[in-house]
Each structure stands twice: as C-alpha cells, then as structure tokens.
C-alpha cells in the first residue's frame, strides 16, 4: 500500500497518504489518534470495538499495519490491578 491515488501509476506522497486515510476515517465516523513514532514515520492509531489498528506511514511511502483483535472480556476479581501487574517491574 503506497497511497490512495485512483491511478496506481501515479505516485502519492506519504503526507497525502496519511491525509487521505484520515479523511476516509472521518467520513466513516471512525476516530483516530496521530503521532510521530520515529524520524521516518507517522503512526495513526485507530480503536474500534474489539480491535486496535496501528498504521505507520513511512517516509519512503511504505505503509505498515498491525491489527490487534480482542479475545474478549477477562473475568477477574480486580481487573485493573491484574492489568497493571502484567507490566510491573
């Protein structure tokens, strides 16, 4: 995936790709968060019910996508404490 150009032979700048993607999210009523994750990439994070997407738009036009899918609700007595325990030093 290198952009959202209607003509696959027409190169699209990485900034245009990010802007086009974010406009598509807005048109579809999907909220997102944008962040700079390195000197060479902008990350768009999307949270939809049961999933989280991390989409990185690289300076060279490459797009990398990671999709995390929920395994459901965890049943435990103290869920917040259990969650924090996983990352305790």
Protein backbone atom coordinates (compact mmCIF):
# COMPACT_ATOMS: atom_id res chain seq x y z
CA UNK A 1 0.00 0.00 0.00
CA UNK A 2 1.62 3.23 -1.10
CA UNK A 3 -1.29 5.65 -1.12
CA UNK A 4 -4.84 6.21 -2.18
CA UNK A 5 -4.32 7.52 -5.71
CA UNK A 6 -7.05 6.49 -8.14
CA UNK A 7 -4.35 5.80 -10.73
CA UNK A 8 -1.96 3.14 -9.38
CA UNK A 9 0.83 4.51 -11.62
CA UNK A 10 0.61 7.97 -10.05
CA UNK A 11 2.94 8.27 -7.05
CA UNK A 12 1.38 9.65 -3.89
CA UNK A 13 3.39 11.49 -1.26
CA UNK A 14 3.47 9.94 2.23
CA UNK A 15 1.82 13.08 3.63
CA UNK A 16 -1.00 12.80 1.10
CA UNK A 17 -1.44 9.14 2.02
CA UNK A 18 -1.82 10.00 5.71
CA UNK A 19 -4.20 12.87 4.97
CA UNK A 20 -6.32 10.77 2.59
CA UNK A 21 -6.52 7.90 5.08
CA UNK A 22 -7.52 10.21 7.94
CA UNK A 23 -10.18 11.86 5.80
CA UNK A 24 -11.55 8.40 4.97
CA UNK A 25 -11.70 7.58 8.70
CA UNK A 26 -13.56 10.82 9.42
CA UNK A 27 -16.05 10.22 6.59
CA UNK A 28 -16.75 6.80 8.10
CA UNK A 29 -17.18 8.16 11.63
CA UNK A 30 -14.04 6.43 12.91
CA UNK A 31 -11.98 8.31 15.47
CA UNK A 32 -8.19 8.14 15.39
CA UNK A 33 -5.05 9.42 17.06
CA UNK A 34 -1.97 10.52 15.12
CA UNK A 35 1.57 10.52 16.47
CA UNK A 36 5.13 10.77 15.22
CA UNK A 37 6.69 7.40 16.08
CA UNK A 38 10.17 7.97 14.59
CA UNK A 39 12.12 10.37 12.41
CA UNK A 40 10.76 8.49 9.40
CA UNK A 41 7.17 7.56 10.24
CA UNK A 42 3.79 8.89 11.30
CA UNK A 43 1.51 6.48 13.15
CA UNK A 44 -2.26 6.57 13.02
CA UNK A 45 -3.87 4.56 15.82
CA UNK A 46 -7.50 3.51 15.47
CA UNK A 47 -9.62 1.87 18.17
CA UNK A 48 -12.83 0.23 17.02
CA UNK A 49 -14.94 -2.19 19.07
CA UNK A 50 -12.85 -5.29 19.73
CA UNK A 51 -9.84 -4.12 17.71
CA UNK A 52 -6.97 -1.67 17.62
CA UNK A 53 -5.05 -0.78 14.48
CA UNK A 54 -1.60 0.78 14.27
CA UNK A 55 -0.89 2.13 10.80
CA UNK A 56 2.58 3.54 10.15
CA UNK A 57 3.14 5.77 7.12
CA UNK A 58 6.86 5.72 6.31
CA UNK A 59 8.84 8.50 4.67
CA UNK A 60 9.57 6.23 1.67
CA UNK A 61 5.82 5.70 1.02
CA UNK A 62 5.61 2.25 2.62
CA UNK A 63 2.65 1.60 4.90
CA UNK A 64 2.87 -0.95 7.73
CA UNK A 65 -0.25 -2.17 9.51
CA UNK A 66 -0.58 -4.02 12.80
CA UNK A 67 -4.06 -5.18 13.81
CA UNK A 68 -4.81 -6.32 17.33
CA UNK A 69 -8.04 -8.25 17.89
CA UNK A 70 -9.60 -8.73 21.31
CA UNK A 71 -10.00 -12.20 22.74
CA UNK A 72 -12.98 -11.00 24.76
CA UNK A 73 -13.59 -9.74 28.26
CA UNK A 74 -11.42 -11.12 31.04
CA UNK A 75 -13.23 -12.17 34.17
CA UNK A 76 -11.24 -11.45 37.31
CA UNK A 77 -11.91 -10.05 40.75
CA UNK A 78 -9.66 -6.97 40.47
CA UNK A 79 -9.23 -6.28 36.75
CA UNK A 80 -7.30 -3.00 36.99
CA UNK A 81 -4.80 -4.43 39.44
CA UNK A 82 -4.36 -7.53 37.25
CA UNK A 83 -3.75 -5.38 34.19
CA UNK A 84 -1.07 -3.30 35.91
CA UNK A 85 0.54 -6.42 37.40
CA UNK A 86 1.49 -7.62 33.90
CA UNK A 87 3.82 -4.61 33.46
CA UNK A 88 5.19 -4.40 36.96
CA UNK A 89 8.97 -4.31 37.24
